[in-house]
Amino acid sequence: MGRMASIDIARILVKRPRIVLILYTLLTFLIAFNAKNLYMVSDLSKFLPEDEPTIKLINYISKEWNLGDTLIVYVENDDILDLDTLRDIDHVVEKVNPY
């Protein structure tokens, strides 16, 4: 039965190419018209619960410094490669990085 259905579809495609072309064109325009309603959310914090500690921290930092999606931390130290300094930097990154 599946083979007969595919043969019938093939016959329609061959016998009525203009109708098939018009239908596909209309379908393409319909899809293109509705494509303007598509959008992408790249902020993964939108998918996490608001009471998540990381999200609370991100919201606090965003509100306090008005940085948007970017956070730049400037570290000033005599020896940036000092083990304690690197641990401090790692601690800040872990607390701020939501991902």
PDB file of N, CA and C in Angstrom:
ATOM      1  N   MET A   1       0.815  -1.192   0.000  1.00  0.00           N
ATOM      2  CA  MET A   1       0.000   0.000   0.000  1.00  0.00           C
ATOM      3  C   MET A   1       0.862   1.260   0.000  1.00  0.00           C
ATOM      4  N   GLY A   2       1.984   1.240   0.711  1.00  0.00           N
ATOM      5  CA  GLY A   2       2.872   2.393   0.748  1.00  0.00           C
ATOM      6  C   GLY A   2       3.471   2.697  -0.611  1.00  0.00           C
ATOM      7  N   ARG A   3       3.715   1.628  -1.370  1.00  0.00           N
ATOM      8  CA  ARG A   3       4.294   1.824  -2.698  1.00  0.00           C
ATOM      9  C   ARG A   3       3.280   2.458  -3.642  1.00  0.00           C
ATOM     10  N   MET A   4       2.039   2.070  -3.514  1.00  0.00           N
ATOM     11  CA  MET A   4       0.991   2.630  -4.374  1.00  0.00           C
ATOM     12  C   MET A   4       0.799   4.119  -4.096  1.00  0.00           C
ATOM     13  N   ALA A   5       0.890   4.494  -2.824  1.00  0.00           N
ATOM     14  CA  ALA A   5       0.730   5.905  -2.468  1.00  0.00           C
ATOM     15  C   ALA A   5       1.861   6.732  -3.060  1.00  0.00           C
ATOM     16  N   SER A   6       3.081   6.204  -3.022  1.00  0.00           N
ATOM     17  CA  SER A   6       4.203   6.952  -3.588  1.00  0.00           C
ATOM     18  C   SER A   6       4.105   7.034  -5.107  1.00  0.00           C
ATOM     19  N   ILE A   7       3.544   6.009  -5.737  1.00  0.00           N
ATOM     20  CA  ILE A   7       3.343   6.052  -7.191  1.00  0.00           C
ATOM     21  C   ILE A   7       2.290   7.096  -7.538  1.00  0.00           C
ATOM     22  N   ASP A   8       1.207   7.174  -6.736  1.00  0.00           N
ATOM     23  CA  ASP A   8       0.170   8.181  -6.972  1.00  0.00           C
ATOM     24  C   ASP A   8       0.727   9.593  -6.820  1.00  0.00           C
ATOM     25  N   ILE A   9       1.542   9.795  -5.811  1.00  0.00           N
ATOM     26  CA  ILE A   9       2.151  11.119  -5.611  1.00  0.00           C
ATOM     27  C   ILE A   9       3.073  11.450  -6.777  1.00  0.00           C
ATOM     28  N   ALA A  10       3.836  10.476  -7.226  1.00  0.00           N
ATOM     29  CA  ALA A  10       4.731  10.699  -8.359  1.00  0.00           C
ATOM     30  C   ALA A  10       3.939  11.057  -9.611  1.00  0.00           C
ATOM     31  N   ARG A  11       2.808  10.408  -9.830  1.00  0.00           N
ATOM     32  CA  ARG A  11       1.963  10.715 -10.989  1.00  0.00           C
ATOM     33  C   ARG A  11       1.452  12.153 -10.935  1.00  0.00           C
ATOM     34  N   ILE A  12       1.011  12.567  -9.752  1.00  0.00           N
ATOM     35  CA  ILE A  12       0.515  13.942  -9.600  1.00  0.00           C
ATOM     36  C   ILE A  12       1.635  14.942  -9.878  1.00  0.00           C
ATOM     37  N   LEU A  13       2.821  14.658  -9.362  1.00  0.00           N
ATOM     38  CA  LEU A  13       3.957  15.563  -9.577  1.00  0.00           C
ATOM     39  C   LEU A  13       4.300  15.688 -11.055  1.00  0.00           C
ATOM     40  N   VAL A  14       4.187  14.587 -11.780  1.00  0.00           N
ATOM     41  CA  VAL A  14       4.528  14.598 -13.205  1.00  0.00           C
ATOM     42  C   VAL A  14       3.404  15.191 -14.044  1.00  0.00           C
ATOM     43  N   LYS A  15       2.160  14.860 -13.736  1.00  0.00           N
ATOM     44  CA  LYS A  15       1.030  15.313 -14.555  1.00  0.00           C
ATOM     45  C   LYS A  15       0.659  16.775 -14.304  1.00  0.00           C
ATOM     46  N   ARG A  16       0.866  17.265 -13.113  1.00  0.00           N
ATOM     47  CA  ARG A  16       0.447  18.626 -12.755  1.00  0.00           C
ATOM     48  C   ARG A  16       1.613  19.444 -12.183  1.00  0.00           C
ATOM     49  N   PRO A  17       2.669  19.654 -12.959  1.00  0.00           N
ATOM     50  CA  PRO A  17       3.834  20.363 -12.415  1.00  0.00           C
ATOM     51  C   PRO A  17       3.533  21.818 -12.037  1.00  0.00           C
ATOM     52  N   ARG A  18       2.646  22.479 -12.769  1.00  0.00           N
ATOM     53  CA  ARG A  18       2.335  23.880 -12.450  1.00  0.00           C
ATOM     54  C   ARG A  18       1.636  23.996 -11.099  1.00  0.00           C
ATOM     55  N   ILE A  19       0.681  23.116 -10.872  1.00  0.00           N
ATOM     56  CA  ILE A  19      -0.039  23.141  -9.594  1.00  0.00           C
ATOM     57  C   ILE A  19       0.919  22.858  -8.439  1.00  0.00           C
ATOM     58  N   VAL A  20       1.788  21.881  -8.627  1.00  0.00           N
ATOM     59  CA  VAL A  20       2.763  21.542  -7.589  1.00  0.00           C
ATOM     60  C   VAL A  20       3.693  22.725  -7.341  1.00  0.00           C
ATOM     61  N   LEU A  21       4.150  23.364  -8.406  1.00  0.00           N
ATOM     62  CA  LEU A  21       5.035  24.523  -8.273  1.00  0.00           C
ATOM     63  C   LEU A  21       4.331  25.674  -7.558  1.00  0.00           C
ATOM     64  N   ILE A  22       3.083  25.916  -7.898  1.00  0.00           N
ATOM     65  CA  ILE A  22       2.315  26.981  -7.238  1.00  0.00           C
ATOM     66  C   ILE A  22       2.124  26.659  -5.756  1.00  0.00           C
ATOM     67  N   LEU A  23       1.795  25.415  -5.449  1.00  0.00           N
ATOM     68  CA  LEU A  23       1.611  25.029  -4.046  1.00  0.00           C
ATOM     69  C   LEU A  23       2.904  25.187  -3.243  1.00  0.00           C
ATOM     70  N   TYR A  24       4.017  24.757  -3.818  1.00  0.00           N
ATOM     71  CA  TYR A  24       5.295  24.903  -3.122  1.00  0.00           C
ATOM     72  C   TYR A  24       5.686  26.371  -2.969  1.00  0.00           C
ATOM     73  N   THR A  25       5.382  27.183  -3.965  1.00  0.00           N
ATOM     74  CA  THR A  25       5.668  28.615  -3.873  1.00  0.00           C
ATOM     75  C   THR A  25       4.832  29.259  -2.773  1.00  0.00           C
ATOM     76  N   LEU A  26       3.538  28.922  -2.727  1.00  0.00           N
ATOM     77  CA  LEU A  26       2.674  29.450  -1.669  1.00  0.00           C
ATOM     78  C   LEU A  26       3.144  28.997  -0.287  1.00  0.00           C
ATOM     79  N   LEU A  27       3.520  27.749  -0.184  1.00  0.00           N
ATOM     80  CA  LEU A  27       4.023  27.233   1.083  1.00  0.00           C
ATOM     81  C   LEU A  27       5.301  27.964   1.506  1.00  0.00           C
ATOM     82  N   THR A  28       6.182  28.228   0.540  1.00  0.00           N
ATOM     83  CA  THR A  28       7.418  28.949   0.831  1.00  0.00           C
ATOM     84  C   THR A  28       7.125  30.363   1.315  1.00  0.00           C
ATOM     85  N   PHE A  29       6.200  31.059   0.668  1.00  0.00           N
ATOM     86  CA  PHE A  29       5.835  32.409   1.102  1.00  0.00           C
ATOM     87  C   PHE A  29       5.192  32.392   2.487  1.00  0.00           C
ATOM     88  N   LEU A  30       4.373  31.400   2.748  1.00  0.00           N
ATOM     89  CA  LEU A  30       3.742  31.284   4.054  1.00  0.00           C
ATOM     90  C   LEU A  30       4.791  31.090   5.150  1.00  0.00           C
ATOM     91  N   ILE A  31       5.740  30.230   4.901  1.00  0.00           N
ATOM     92  CA  ILE A  31       6.817  30.001   5.869  1.00  0.00           C
ATOM     93  C   ILE A  31       7.661  31.259   6.033  1.00  0.00           C
ATOM     94  N   ALA A  32       8.000  31.919   4.929  1.00  0.00           N
ATOM     95  CA  ALA A  32       8.809  33.139   5.000  1.00  0.00           C
ATOM     96  C   ALA A  32       8.070  34.246   5.746  1.00  0.00           C
ATOM     97  N   PHE A  33       6.773  34.374   5.540  1.00  0.00           N
ATOM     98  CA  PHE A  33       5.984  35.399   6.223  1.00  0.00           C
ATOM     99  C   PHE A  33       5.985  35.170   7.735  1.00  0.00           C
ATOM    100  N   ASN A  34       5.879  33.920   8.141  1.00  0.00           N
ATOM    101  CA  ASN A  34       5.862  33.610   9.572  1.00  0.00           C
ATOM    102  C   ASN A  34       7.255  33.560  10.189  1.00  0.00           C
ATOM    103  N   ALA A  35       8.283  33.530   9.380  1.00  0.00           N
ATOM    104  CA  ALA A  35       9.649  33.480   9.902  1.00  0.00           C
ATOM    105  C   ALA A  35      10.016  34.760  10.638  1.00  0.00           C
ATOM    106  N   LYS A  36       9.324  35.853  10.360  1.00  0.00           N
ATOM    107  CA  LYS A  36       9.634  37.108  11.057  1.00  0.00           C
ATOM    108  C   LYS A  36       9.291  37.020  12.539  1.00  0.00           C
ATOM    109  N   ASN A  37       8.489  36.042  12.928  1.00  0.00           N
ATOM    110  CA  ASN A  37       8.113  35.857  14.324  1.00  0.00           C
ATOM    111  C   ASN A  37       9.105  34.985  15.093  1.00  0.00           C
ATOM    112  N   LEU A  38      10.114  34.488  14.419  1.00  0.00           N
ATOM    113  CA  LEU A  38      11.117  33.661  15.076  1.00  0.00           C
ATOM    114  C   LEU A  38      12.147  34.536  15.767  1.00  0.00           C
ATOM    115  N   TYR A  39      12.615  34.091  16.916  1.00  0.00           N
ATOM    116  CA  TYR A  39      13.702  34.774  17.598  1.00  0.00           C
ATOM    117  C   TYR A  39      14.484  33.741  18.398  1.00  0.00           C
ATOM    118  N   MET A  40      15.682  34.120  18.765  1.00  0.00           N
ATOM    119  CA  MET A  40      16.546  33.203  19.482  1.00  0.00           C
ATOM    120  C   MET A  40      16.904  33.806  20.832  1.00  0.00           C
ATOM    121  N   VAL A  41      16.848  33.005  21.865  1.00  0.00           N
ATOM    122  CA  VAL A  41      17.245  33.438  23.199  1.00  0.00           C
ATOM    123  C   VAL A  41      18.598  32.798  23.485  1.00  0.00           C
ATOM    124  N   SER A  42      19.628  33.623  23.564  1.00  0.00           N
ATOM    125  CA  SER A  42      20.966  33.086  23.799  1.00  0.00           C
ATOM    126  C   SER A  42      21.367  33.164  25.264  1.00  0.00           C
ATOM    127  N   ASP A  43      20.566  33.831  26.078  1.00  0.00           N
ATOM    128  CA  ASP A  43      20.865  33.964  27.497  1.00  0.00           C
ATOM    129  C   ASP A  43      20.335  32.733  28.231  1.00  0.00           C
ATOM    130  N   LEU A  44      21.238  31.832  28.585  1.00  0.00           N
ATOM    131  CA  LEU A  44      20.825  30.587  29.225  1.00  0.00           C
ATOM    132  C   LEU A  44      20.235  30.806  30.608  1.00  0.00           C
ATOM    133  N   SER A  45      20.507  31.951  31.219  1.00  0.00           N
ATOM    134  CA  SER A  45      19.946  32.211  32.542  1.00  0.00           C
ATOM    135  C   SER A  45      18.429  32.371  32.488  1.00  0.00           C
ATOM    136  N   LYS A  46      17.878  32.615  31.314  1.00  0.00           N
ATOM    137  CA  LYS A  46      16.425  32.718  31.163  1.00  0.00           C
ATOM    138  C   LYS A  46      15.744  31.370  31.390  1.00  0.00           C
ATOM    139  N   PHE A  47      16.510  30.292  31.267  1.00  0.00           N
ATOM    140  CA  PHE A  47      15.946  28.961  31.407  1.00  0.00           C
ATOM    141  C   PHE A  47      16.150  28.379  32.808  1.00  0.00           C
ATOM    142  N   LEU A  48      16.851  29.121  33.663  1.00  0.00           N
ATOM    143  CA  LEU A  48      17.116  28.642  35.017  1.00  0.00           C
ATOM    144  C   LEU A  48      16.166  29.305  36.005  1.00  0.00           C
ATOM    145  N   PRO A  49      15.903  28.670  37.142  1.00  0.00           N
ATOM    146  CA  PRO A  49      14.997  29.269  38.122  1.00  0.00           C
ATOM    147  C   PRO A  49      15.574  30.555  38.712  1.00  0.00           C
ATOM    148  N   GLU A  50      14.689  31.510  39.006  1.00  0.00           N
ATOM    149  CA  GLU A  50      15.112  32.807  39.551  1.00  0.00           C
ATOM    150  C   GLU A  50      15.740  32.674  40.936  1.00  0.00           C
ATOM    151  N   ASP A  51      15.386  31.644  41.689  1.00  0.00           N
ATOM    152  CA  ASP A  51      15.931  31.503  43.042  1.00  0.00           C
ATOM    153  C   ASP A  51      17.270  30.767  43.063  1.00  0.00           C
ATOM    154  N   GLU A  52      17.790  30.438  41.904  1.00  0.00           N
ATOM    155  CA  GLU A  52      19.117  29.819  41.788  1.00  0.00           C
ATOM    156  C   GLU A  52      20.159  30.832  42.277  1.00  0.00           C
ATOM    157  N   PRO A  53      21.092  30.434  43.167  1.00  0.00           N
ATOM    158  CA  PRO A  53      22.081  31.389  43.696  1.00  0.00           C
ATOM    159  C   PRO A  53      22.909  32.070  42.605  1.00  0.00           C
ATOM    160  N   THR A  54      23.273  31.324  41.586  1.00  0.00           N
ATOM    161  CA  THR A  54      24.060  31.915  40.503  1.00  0.00           C
ATOM    162  C   THR A  54      23.260  32.987  39.778  1.00  0.00           C
ATOM    163  N   ILE A  55      21.998  32.736  39.528  1.00  0.00           N
ATOM    164  CA  ILE A  55      21.146  33.710  38.841  1.00  0.00           C
ATOM    165  C   ILE A  55      20.947  34.940  39.711  1.00  0.00           C
ATOM    166  N   LYS A  56      20.786  34.742  41.016  1.00  0.00           N
ATOM    167  CA  LYS A  56      20.665  35.886  41.930  1.00  0.00           C
ATOM    168  C   LYS A  56      21.914  36.757  41.861  1.00  0.00           C
ATOM    169  N   LEU A  57      23.077  36.114  41.839  1.00  0.00           N
ATOM    170  CA  LEU A  57      24.331  36.861  41.768  1.00  0.00           C
ATOM    171  C   LEU A  57      24.456  37.600  40.439  1.00  0.00           C
ATOM    172  N   ILE A  58      24.101  36.948  39.355  1.00  0.00           N
ATOM    173  CA  ILE A  58      24.162  37.591  38.037  1.00  0.00           C
ATOM    174  C   ILE A  58      23.216  38.786  37.988  1.00  0.00           C
ATOM    175  N   ASN A  59      22.012  38.618  38.501  1.00  0.00           N
ATOM    176  CA  ASN A  59      21.055  39.729  38.517  1.00  0.00           C
ATOM    177  C   ASN A  59      21.562  40.882  39.371  1.00  0.00           C
ATOM    178  N   TYR A  60      22.170  40.564  40.511  1.00  0.00           N
ATOM    179  CA  TYR A  60      22.723  41.605  41.378  1.00  0.00           C
ATOM    180  C   TYR A  60      23.838  42.366  40.666  1.00  0.00           C
ATOM    181  N   ILE A  61      24.747  41.629  40.047  1.00  0.00           N
ATOM    182  CA  ILE A  61      25.873  42.265  39.352  1.00  0.00           C
ATOM    183  C   ILE A  61      25.367  43.106  38.186  1.00  0.00           C
ATOM    184  N   SER A  62      24.415  42.587  37.437  1.00  0.00           N
ATOM    185  CA  SER A  62      23.868  43.340  36.299  1.00  0.00           C
ATOM    186  C   SER A  62      23.200  44.624  36.760  1.00  0.00           C
ATOM    187  N   LYS A  63      22.468  44.551  37.863  1.00  0.00           N
ATOM    188  CA  LYS A  63      21.782  45.730  38.384  1.00  0.00           C
ATOM    189  C   LYS A  63      22.773  46.742  38.963  1.00  0.00           C
ATOM    190  N   GLU A  64      23.746  46.230  39.708  1.00  0.00           N
ATOM    191  CA  GLU A  64      24.692  47.096  40.419  1.00  0.00           C
ATOM    192  C   GLU A  64      25.617  47.849  39.465  1.00  0.00           C
ATOM    193  N   TRP A  65      26.130  47.159  38.450  1.00  0.00           N
ATOM    194  CA  TRP A  65      27.111  47.780  37.567  1.00  0.00           C
ATOM    195  C   TRP A  65      26.594  48.045  36.163  1.00  0.00           C
ATOM    196  N   ASN A  66      25.384  47.638  35.856  1.00  0.00           N
ATOM    197  CA  ASN A  66      24.773  47.908  34.551  1.00  0.00           C
ATOM    198  C   ASN A  66      25.687  47.504  33.394  1.00  0.00           C
ATOM    199  N   LEU A  67      26.148  46.278  33.431  1.00  0.00           N
ATOM    200  CA  LEU A  67      27.101  45.795  32.429  1.00  0.00           C
ATOM    201  C   LEU A  67      26.461  45.013  31.295  1.00  0.00           C
ATOM    202  N   GLY A  68      25.210  44.674  31.398  1.00  0.00           N
ATOM    203  CA  GLY A  68      24.593  43.853  30.362  1.00  0.00           C
ATOM    204  C   GLY A  68      25.054  42.416  30.493  1.00  0.00           C
ATOM    205  N   ASP A  69      25.496  41.835  29.395  1.00  0.00           N
ATOM    206  CA  ASP A  69      25.915  40.436  29.397  1.00  0.00           C
ATOM    207  C   ASP A  69      27.416  40.254  29.574  1.00  0.00           C
ATOM    208  N   THR A  70      28.144  41.341  29.723  1.00  0.00           N
ATOM    209  CA  THR A  70      29.594  41.254  29.790  1.00  0.00           C
ATOM    210  C   THR A  70      30.095  41.728  31.145  1.00  0.00           C
ATOM    211  N   LEU A  71      31.028  41.003  31.686  1.00  0.00           N
ATOM    212  CA  LEU A  71      31.643  41.394  32.941  1.00  0.00           C
ATOM    213  C   LEU A  71      33.151  41.342  32.747  1.00  0.00           C
ATOM    214  N   ILE A  72      33.797  42.451  33.020  1.00  0.00           N
ATOM    215  CA  ILE A  72      35.249  42.530  32.903  1.00  0.00           C
ATOM    216  C   ILE A  72      35.809  42.777  34.292  1.00  0.00           C
ATOM    217  N   VAL A  73      36.732  41.929  34.699  1.00  0.00           N
ATOM    218  CA  VAL A  73      37.356  42.074  36.009  1.00  0.00           C
ATOM    219  C   VAL A  73      38.815  42.434  35.780  1.00  0.00           C
ATOM    220  N   TYR A  74      39.203  43.564  36.340  1.00  0.00           N
ATOM    221  CA  TYR A  74      40.588  44.015  36.229  1.00  0.00           C
ATOM    222  C   TYR A  74      41.307  43.606  37.500  1.00  0.00           C
ATOM    223  N   VAL A  75      42.419  42.902  37.348  1.00  0.00           N
ATOM    224  CA  VAL A  75      43.195  42.441  38.498  1.00  0.00           C
ATOM    225  C   VAL A  75      44.523  43.176  38.499  1.00  0.00           C
ATOM    226  N   GLU A  76      44.789  43.822  39.631  1.00  0.00           N
ATOM    227  CA  GLU A  76      46.066  44.527  39.774  1.00  0.00           C
ATOM    228  C   GLU A  76      46.829  43.875  40.916  1.00  0.00           C
ATOM    229  N   ASN A  77      48.025  43.416  40.599  1.00  0.00           N
ATOM    230  CA  ASN A  77      48.846  42.744  41.589  1.00  0.00           C
ATOM    231  C   ASN A  77      50.283  42.782  41.099  1.00  0.00           C
ATOM    232  N   ASP A  78      51.215  42.740  42.044  1.00  0.00           N
ATOM    233  CA  ASP A  78      52.626  42.741  41.652  1.00  0.00           C
ATOM    234  C   ASP A  78      52.982  41.483  40.869  1.00  0.00           C
ATOM    235  N   ASP A  79      52.451  40.357  41.293  1.00  0.00           N
ATOM    236  CA  ASP A  79      52.732  39.092  40.613  1.00  0.00           C
ATOM    237  C   ASP A  79      51.409  38.393  40.306  1.00  0.00           C
ATOM    238  N   ILE A  80      50.942  38.556  39.084  1.00  0.00           N
ATOM    239  CA  ILE A  80      49.646  37.989  38.690  1.00  0.00           C
ATOM    240  C   ILE A  80      49.679  36.465  38.692  1.00  0.00           C
ATOM    241  N   LEU A  81      50.854  35.880  38.595  1.00  0.00           N
ATOM    242  CA  LEU A  81      50.985  34.426  38.565  1.00  0.00           C
ATOM    243  C   LEU A  81      51.161  33.820  39.954  1.00  0.00           C
ATOM    244  N   ASP A  82      51.053  34.651  40.982  1.00  0.00           N
ATOM    245  CA  ASP A  82      51.130  34.171  42.351  1.00  0.00           C
ATOM    246  C   ASP A  82      49.963  33.211  42.607  1.00  0.00           C
ATOM    247  N   LEU A  83      50.217  32.129  43.319  1.00  0.00           N
ATOM    248  CA  LEU A  83      49.209  31.098  43.538  1.00  0.00           C
ATOM    249  C   LEU A  83      47.965  31.645  44.244  1.00  0.00           C
ATOM    250  N   ASP A  84      48.151  32.499  45.235  1.00  0.00           N
ATOM    251  CA  ASP A  84      46.997  33.079  45.941  1.00  0.00           C
ATOM    252  C   ASP A  84      46.172  33.968  45.012  1.00  0.00           C
ATOM    253  N   THR A  85      46.836  34.731  44.170  1.00  0.00           N
ATOM    254  CA  THR A  85      46.133  35.596  43.216  1.00  0.00           C
ATOM    255  C   THR A  85      45.338  34.754  42.228  1.00  0.00           C
ATOM    256  N   LEU A  86      45.947  33.694  41.722  1.00  0.00           N
ATOM    257  CA  LEU A  86      45.253  32.811  40.784  1.00  0.00           C
ATOM    258  C   LEU A  86      44.049  32.137  41.445  1.00  0.00           C
ATOM    259  N   ARG A  87      44.190  31.774  42.709  1.00  0.00           N
ATOM    260  CA  ARG A  87      43.051  31.190  43.432  1.00  0.00           C
ATOM    261  C   ARG A  87      41.925  32.211  43.584  1.00  0.00           C
ATOM    262  N   ASP A  88      42.294  33.445  43.895  1.00  0.00           N
ATOM    263  CA  ASP A  88      41.283  34.502  44.023  1.00  0.00           C
ATOM    264  C   ASP A  88      40.554  34.727  42.696  1.00  0.00           C
ATOM    265  N   ILE A  89      41.314  34.765  41.612  1.00  0.00           N
ATOM    266  CA  ILE A  89      40.708  34.953  40.287  1.00  0.00           C
ATOM    267  C   ILE A  89      39.775  33.785  39.973  1.00  0.00           C
ATOM    268  N   ASP A  90      40.228  32.581  40.251  1.00  0.00           N
ATOM    269  CA  ASP A  90      39.401  31.400  39.997  1.00  0.00           C
ATOM    270  C   ASP A  90      38.119  31.442  40.826  1.00  0.00           C
ATOM    271  N   HIS A  91      38.232  31.885  42.061  1.00  0.00           N
ATOM    272  CA  HIS A  91      37.054  31.995  42.930  1.00  0.00           C
ATOM    273  C   HIS A  91      36.043  32.989  42.357  1.00  0.00           C
ATOM    274  N   VAL A  92      36.524  34.130  41.883  1.00  0.00           N
ATOM    275  CA  VAL A  92      35.636  35.140  41.294  1.00  0.00           C
ATOM    276  C   VAL A  92      34.967  34.584  40.039  1.00  0.00           C
ATOM    277  N   VAL A  93      35.737  33.918  39.196  1.00  0.00           N
ATOM    278  CA  VAL A  93      35.184  33.351  37.958  1.00  0.00           C
ATOM    279  C   VAL A  93      34.106  32.321  38.280  1.00  0.00           C
ATOM    280  N   GLU A  94      34.355  31.471  39.255  1.00  0.00           N
ATOM    281  CA  GLU A  94      33.359  30.459  39.633  1.00  0.00           C
ATOM    282  C   GLU A  94      32.078  31.093  40.158  1.00  0.00           C
ATOM    283  N   LYS A  95      32.192  32.178  40.902  1.00  0.00           N
ATOM    284  CA  LYS A  95      31.010  32.829  41.471  1.00  0.00           C
ATOM    285  C   LYS A  95      30.215  33.602  40.427  1.00  0.00           C
ATOM    286  N   VAL A  96      30.896  34.153  39.440  1.00  0.00           N
ATOM    287  CA  VAL A  96      30.239  35.027  38.465  1.00  0.00           C
ATOM    288  C   VAL A  96      29.772  34.271  37.231  1.00  0.00           C
ATOM    289  N   ASN A  97      30.502  33.265  36.813  1.00  0.00           N
ATOM    290  CA  ASN A  97      30.198  32.555  35.569  1.00  0.00           C
ATOM    291  C   ASN A  97      28.954  31.684  35.731  1.00  0.00           C
ATOM    292  N   PRO A  98      27.879  31.989  34.993  1.00  0.00           N
ATOM    293  CA  PRO A  98      26.650  31.213  35.146  1.00  0.00           C
ATOM    294  C   PRO A  98      26.673  29.876  34.420  1.00  0.00           C
ATOM    295  N   TYR A  99      27.653  29.633  33.592  1.00  0.00           N
ATOM    296  CA  TYR A  99      27.651  28.432  32.774  1.00  0.00           C
ATOM    297  C   TYR A  99      28.720  27.506  33.262  1.00  0.00           C
TER     298      TYR A  99
END
